[in-house]
Amino acid sequence: MGTSPHAVSGGVWSRDAYRVDMSLADPTHAEKTFFAILRRHDEPRNALAIDLPERVLAPDETVLDVKVGDIQNDTTPLLLATDRRVVLTRRRAFGSWKILEGAPAAEVVNVDYTPTLLSGKLRVHLRGGSQIVLKTRTKDHAERFLRTMRELLGR
């Protein structure tokens, strides 16, 4: 498995699409969809996320949206919505990814965003009352993630 994403353009992987200097020899579906979402949105990217799909997602999982959170403890958390689940993950100091919270898609009942003085909280509400919370300053990106999730919920 390679270590970097690239967009497919006419069946050829393009370095320019992700602005990194590596390539995936045979990307999985999860890798393709994860990096396509990052390319489509203007979320801040970190080159350290190149191995996230391989480490966090099943190879055939479809990434529907990604929201990058505020930096916490020198790492940046990511909230992922896939065809199967919602996952809050962050890269550990020594390179591996840690899933902080997650839930099957069927457990998601609502999503909201509450701006605060300096940032905001994107909350994914689950059956039983628990929540997956991501702190983020980028209200427009949070609202995009909300729209994606609400479409999935049929609202």
C-alpha atoms as a PDB file:
ATOM      1  CA  MET A   1       0.000   0.000   0.000  1.00  0.00           C
ATOM      2  CA  GLY A   2       1.304   3.460  -0.871  1.00  0.00           C
ATOM      3  CA  THR A   3       1.325   6.404   1.431  1.00  0.00           C
ATOM      4  CA  SER A   4      -0.389   9.241  -0.396  1.00  0.00           C
ATOM      5  CA  PRO A   5      -3.602  10.217  -2.142  1.00  0.00           C
ATOM      6  CA  HIS A   6      -4.089  11.499  -5.657  1.00  0.00           C
ATOM      7  CA  ALA A   7      -7.124  12.243  -7.741  1.00  0.00           C
ATOM      8  CA  VAL A   8      -8.099  10.126 -10.665  1.00  0.00           C
ATOM      9  CA  SER A   9      -8.153  12.112 -13.871  1.00  0.00           C
ATOM     10  CA  GLY A  10      -8.826  10.049 -16.959  1.00  0.00           C
ATOM     11  CA  GLY A  11      -7.745   6.950 -15.047  1.00  0.00           C
ATOM     12  CA  VAL A  12      -4.377   8.486 -14.129  1.00  0.00           C
ATOM     13  CA  TRP A  13      -3.434   9.539 -10.603  1.00  0.00           C
ATOM     14  CA  SER A  14      -2.559  13.235 -10.497  1.00  0.00           C
ATOM     15  CA  ARG A  15      -0.126  14.779  -8.005  1.00  0.00           C
ATOM     16  CA  ASP A  16      -1.576  18.258  -8.490  1.00  0.00           C
ATOM     17  CA  ALA A  17      -4.996  17.299  -7.155  1.00  0.00           C
ATOM     18  CA  TYR A  18      -3.721  16.927  -3.592  1.00  0.00           C
ATOM     19  CA  ARG A  19      -0.513  18.933  -3.756  1.00  0.00           C
ATOM     20  CA  VAL A  20       1.614  16.140  -2.313  1.00  0.00           C
ATOM     21  CA  ASP A  21       4.563  14.328  -3.881  1.00  0.00           C
ATOM     22  CA  MET A  22       3.650  10.666  -3.430  1.00  0.00           C
ATOM     23  CA  SER A  23       1.220   8.270  -5.089  1.00  0.00           C
ATOM     24  CA  LEU A  24      -0.980   5.324  -4.257  1.00  0.00           C
ATOM     25  CA  ALA A  25      -0.255   2.347  -6.455  1.00  0.00           C
ATOM     26  CA  ASP A  26      -3.674   0.757  -5.918  1.00  0.00           C
ATOM     27  CA  PRO A  27      -5.990   2.953  -3.816  1.00  0.00           C
ATOM     28  CA  THR A  28      -8.906   1.425  -1.968  1.00  0.00           C
ATOM     29  CA  HIS A  29     -12.436   2.753  -2.312  1.00  0.00           C
ATOM     30  CA  ALA A  30     -12.103   4.360   1.139  1.00  0.00           C
ATOM     31  CA  GLU A  31      -8.910   6.154   0.084  1.00  0.00           C
ATOM     32  CA  LYS A  32     -10.481   7.393  -3.151  1.00  0.00           C
ATOM     33  CA  THR A  33     -13.583   8.750  -1.437  1.00  0.00           C
ATOM     34  CA  PHE A  34     -11.695  10.272   1.524  1.00  0.00           C
ATOM     35  CA  PHE A  35      -9.307  12.237  -0.675  1.00  0.00           C
ATOM     36  CA  ALA A  36     -12.029  13.193  -3.162  1.00  0.00           C
ATOM     37  CA  ILE A  37     -13.954  14.810  -0.279  1.00  0.00           C
ATOM     38  CA  LEU A  38     -10.847  16.660   0.949  1.00  0.00           C
ATOM     39  CA  ARG A  39     -10.178  17.878  -2.583  1.00  0.00           C
ATOM     40  CA  ARG A  40     -13.771  19.018  -3.091  1.00  0.00           C
ATOM     41  CA  HIS A  41     -13.888  21.106   0.086  1.00  0.00           C
ATOM     42  CA  ASP A  42     -11.459  23.773   1.196  1.00  0.00           C
ATOM     43  CA  GLU A  43     -10.866  22.182   4.587  1.00  0.00           C
ATOM     44  CA  PRO A  44      -7.326  22.663   5.901  1.00  0.00           C
ATOM     45  CA  ARG A  45      -5.260  19.628   5.037  1.00  0.00           C
ATOM     46  CA  ASN A  46      -2.376  18.076   6.844  1.00  0.00           C
ATOM     47  CA  ALA A  47       0.030  15.836   4.972  1.00  0.00           C
ATOM     48  CA  LEU A  48      -0.014  13.561   8.013  1.00  0.00           C
ATOM     49  CA  ALA A  49      -3.588  12.500   7.117  1.00  0.00           C
ATOM     50  CA  ILE A  50      -2.426  10.542   4.093  1.00  0.00           C
ATOM     51  CA  ASP A  51      -2.594   7.218   5.934  1.00  0.00           C
ATOM     52  CA  LEU A  52      -5.906   7.882   7.705  1.00  0.00           C
ATOM     53  CA  PRO A  53      -8.115   5.800   5.356  1.00  0.00           C
ATOM     54  CA  GLU A  54      -5.773   2.832   5.604  1.00  0.00           C
ATOM     55  CA  ARG A  55      -5.638   2.995   9.404  1.00  0.00           C
ATOM     56  CA  VAL A  56      -9.203   4.029  10.322  1.00  0.00           C
ATOM     57  CA  LEU A  57     -11.545   2.904   7.534  1.00  0.00           C
ATOM     58  CA  ALA A  58     -12.544  -0.399   5.996  1.00  0.00           C
ATOM     59  CA  PRO A  59     -11.212  -0.618   2.415  1.00  0.00           C
ATOM     60  CA  ASP A  60     -14.729  -0.614   0.921  1.00  0.00           C
ATOM     61  CA  GLU A  61     -16.156   2.122   3.190  1.00  0.00           C
ATOM     62  CA  THR A  62     -17.485   5.235   1.413  1.00  0.00           C
ATOM     63  CA  VAL A  63     -16.549   8.601   2.933  1.00  0.00           C
ATOM     64  CA  LEU A  64     -19.438  11.061   2.569  1.00  0.00           C
ATOM     65  CA  ASP A  65     -17.951  14.085   4.341  1.00  0.00           C
ATOM     66  CA  VAL A  66     -15.003  15.130   6.501  1.00  0.00           C
ATOM     67  CA  LYS A  67     -14.834  18.011   8.978  1.00  0.00           C
ATOM     68  CA  VAL A  68     -11.465  19.106  10.285  1.00  0.00           C
ATOM     69  CA  GLY A  69     -11.552  20.350  13.876  1.00  0.00           C
ATOM     70  CA  ASP A  70      -9.505  22.825  15.865  1.00  0.00           C
ATOM     71  CA  ILE A  71      -5.986  21.806  16.866  1.00  0.00           C
ATOM     72  CA  GLN A  72      -5.941  20.089  20.251  1.00  0.00           C
ATOM     73  CA  ASN A  73      -2.764  18.923  22.010  1.00  0.00           C
ATOM     74  CA  ASP A  74      -0.688  19.497  18.857  1.00  0.00           C
ATOM     75  CA  THR A  75      -2.970  17.278  16.779  1.00  0.00           C
ATOM     76  CA  THR A  76      -6.003  17.997  14.649  1.00  0.00           C
ATOM     77  CA  PRO A  77      -9.139  15.889  15.096  1.00  0.00           C
ATOM     78  CA  LEU A  78     -11.251  14.870  12.110  1.00  0.00           C
ATOM     79  CA  LEU A  79     -14.923  13.975  12.056  1.00  0.00           C
ATOM     80  CA  LEU A  80     -15.821  11.560   9.273  1.00  0.00           C
ATOM     81  CA  ALA A  81     -19.243  10.592   7.998  1.00  0.00           C
ATOM     82  CA  THR A  82     -19.245   7.360   6.016  1.00  0.00           C
ATOM     83  CA  ASP A  83     -21.905   5.106   4.564  1.00  0.00           C
ATOM     84  CA  ARG A  84     -21.575   3.002   7.737  1.00  0.00           C
ATOM     85  CA  ARG A  85     -20.716   5.258  10.646  1.00  0.00           C
ATOM     86  CA  VAL A  86     -19.586   8.549  12.131  1.00  0.00           C
ATOM     87  CA  VAL A  87     -16.020   8.587  13.475  1.00  0.00           C
ATOM     88  CA  LEU A  88     -14.099  11.179  15.463  1.00  0.00           C
ATOM     89  CA  THR A  89     -10.382  10.458  15.158  1.00  0.00           C
ATOM     90  CA  ARG A  90      -7.085  12.177  15.702  1.00  0.00           C
ATOM     91  CA  ARG A  91      -3.484  11.368  14.994  1.00  0.00           C
ATOM     92  CA  ARG A  92      -1.377  10.438  18.001  1.00  0.00           C
ATOM     93  CA  ALA A  93       2.005  12.050  18.556  1.00  0.00           C
ATOM     94  CA  PHE A  94       3.866   9.006  17.225  1.00  0.00           C
ATOM     95  CA  GLY A  95       1.933   8.572  14.011  1.00  0.00           C
ATOM     96  CA  SER A  96      -0.931   6.171  14.624  1.00  0.00           C
ATOM     97  CA  TRP A  97      -4.570   7.231  14.444  1.00  0.00           C
ATOM     98  CA  LYS A  98      -6.808   6.914  17.483  1.00  0.00           C
ATOM     99  CA  ILE A  99     -10.570   6.660  17.161  1.00  0.00           C
ATOM    100  CA  LEU A 100     -11.845   8.919  19.938  1.00  0.00           C
ATOM    101  CA  GLU A 101     -15.522   8.183  19.377  1.00  0.00           C
ATOM    102  CA  GLY A 102     -17.672   6.482  16.813  1.00  0.00           C
ATOM    103  CA  ALA A 103     -21.161   5.219  16.173  1.00  0.00           C
ATOM    104  CA  PRO A 104     -23.002   3.295  13.463  1.00  0.00           C
ATOM    105  CA  ALA A 105     -24.921   5.529  11.042  1.00  0.00           C
ATOM    106  CA  ALA A 106     -28.206   4.030  12.270  1.00  0.00           C
ATOM    107  CA  GLU A 107     -27.527   5.480  15.745  1.00  0.00           C
ATOM    108  CA  VAL A 108     -27.380   9.106  14.509  1.00  0.00           C
ATOM    109  CA  VAL A 109     -30.613  10.984  15.289  1.00  0.00           C
ATOM    110  CA  ASN A 110     -29.627  14.632  14.839  1.00  0.00           C
ATOM    111  CA  VAL A 111     -26.746  17.001  14.141  1.00  0.00           C
ATOM    112  CA  ASP A 112     -26.279  20.637  15.184  1.00  0.00           C
ATOM    113  CA  TYR A 113     -23.686  23.389  15.358  1.00  0.00           C
ATOM    114  CA  THR A 114     -23.460  25.960  18.147  1.00  0.00           C
ATOM    115  CA  PRO A 115     -21.104  28.925  17.670  1.00  0.00           C
ATOM    116  CA  THR A 116     -19.167  30.004  20.756  1.00  0.00           C
ATOM    117  CA  LEU A 117     -17.081  33.109  21.419  1.00  0.00           C
ATOM    118  CA  LEU A 118     -13.879  31.791  19.812  1.00  0.00           C
ATOM    119  CA  SER A 119     -14.921  28.581  18.135  1.00  0.00           C
ATOM    120  CA  GLY A 120     -18.013  26.405  17.912  1.00  0.00           C
ATOM    121  CA  LYS A 121     -19.251  22.901  18.609  1.00  0.00           C
ATOM    122  CA  LEU A 122     -20.460  20.494  15.968  1.00  0.00           C
ATOM    123  CA  ARG A 123     -22.524  17.812  17.712  1.00  0.00           C
ATOM    124  CA  VAL A 124     -23.689  14.493  16.343  1.00  0.00           C
ATOM    125  CA  HIS A 125     -26.542  13.297  18.587  1.00  0.00           C
ATOM    126  CA  LEU A 126     -26.953   9.568  19.020  1.00  0.00           C
ATOM    127  CA  ARG A 127     -29.755   7.329  20.209  1.00  0.00           C
ATOM    128  CA  GLY A 128     -29.638   7.072  23.975  1.00  0.00           C
ATOM    129  CA  GLY A 129     -28.594  10.704  24.402  1.00  0.00           C
ATOM    130  CA  SER A 130     -24.831  10.544  23.870  1.00  0.00           C
ATOM    131  CA  GLN A 131     -23.011  12.902  21.502  1.00  0.00           C
ATOM    132  CA  ILE A 132     -19.909  13.033  19.355  1.00  0.00           C
ATOM    133  CA  VAL A 133     -18.545  16.594  19.595  1.00  0.00           C
ATOM    134  CA  LEU A 134     -16.005  18.365  17.396  1.00  0.00           C
ATOM    135  CA  LYS A 135     -14.747  21.859  18.199  1.00  0.00           C
ATOM    136  CA  THR A 136     -14.329  23.976  15.085  1.00  0.00           C
ATOM    137  CA  ARG A 137     -13.908  27.644  14.160  1.00  0.00           C
ATOM    138  CA  THR A 138     -15.043  27.251  10.573  1.00  0.00           C
ATOM    139  CA  LYS A 139     -18.797  27.805  10.706  1.00  0.00           C
ATOM    140  CA  ASP A 140     -19.289  27.467   6.932  1.00  0.00           C
ATOM    141  CA  HIS A 141     -17.531  24.085   6.914  1.00  0.00           C
ATOM    142  CA  ALA A 142     -19.552  22.950   9.929  1.00  0.00           C
ATOM    143  CA  GLU A 143     -22.764  23.970   8.153  1.00  0.00           C
ATOM    144  CA  ARG A 144     -21.694  21.989   5.069  1.00  0.00           C
ATOM    145  CA  PHE A 145     -21.166  18.903   7.272  1.00  0.00           C
ATOM    146  CA  LEU A 146     -24.592  19.538   8.859  1.00  0.00           C
ATOM    147  CA  ARG A 147     -26.243  19.605   5.421  1.00  0.00           C
ATOM    148  CA  THR A 148     -24.580  16.323   4.470  1.00  0.00           C
ATOM    149  CA  MET A 149     -25.688  14.656   7.688  1.00  0.00           C
ATOM    150  CA  ARG A 150     -29.232  16.023   7.493  1.00  0.00           C
ATOM    151  CA  GLU A 151     -29.579  14.769   3.925  1.00  0.00           C
ATOM    152  CA  LEU A 152     -28.555  11.333   5.174  1.00  0.00           C
ATOM    153  CA  LEU A 153     -31.105  11.582   7.971  1.00  0.00           C
ATOM    154  CA  GLY A 154     -33.795  12.647   5.489  1.00  0.00           C
ATOM    155  CA  ARG A 155     -34.302  16.100   7.034  1.00  0.00           C
END
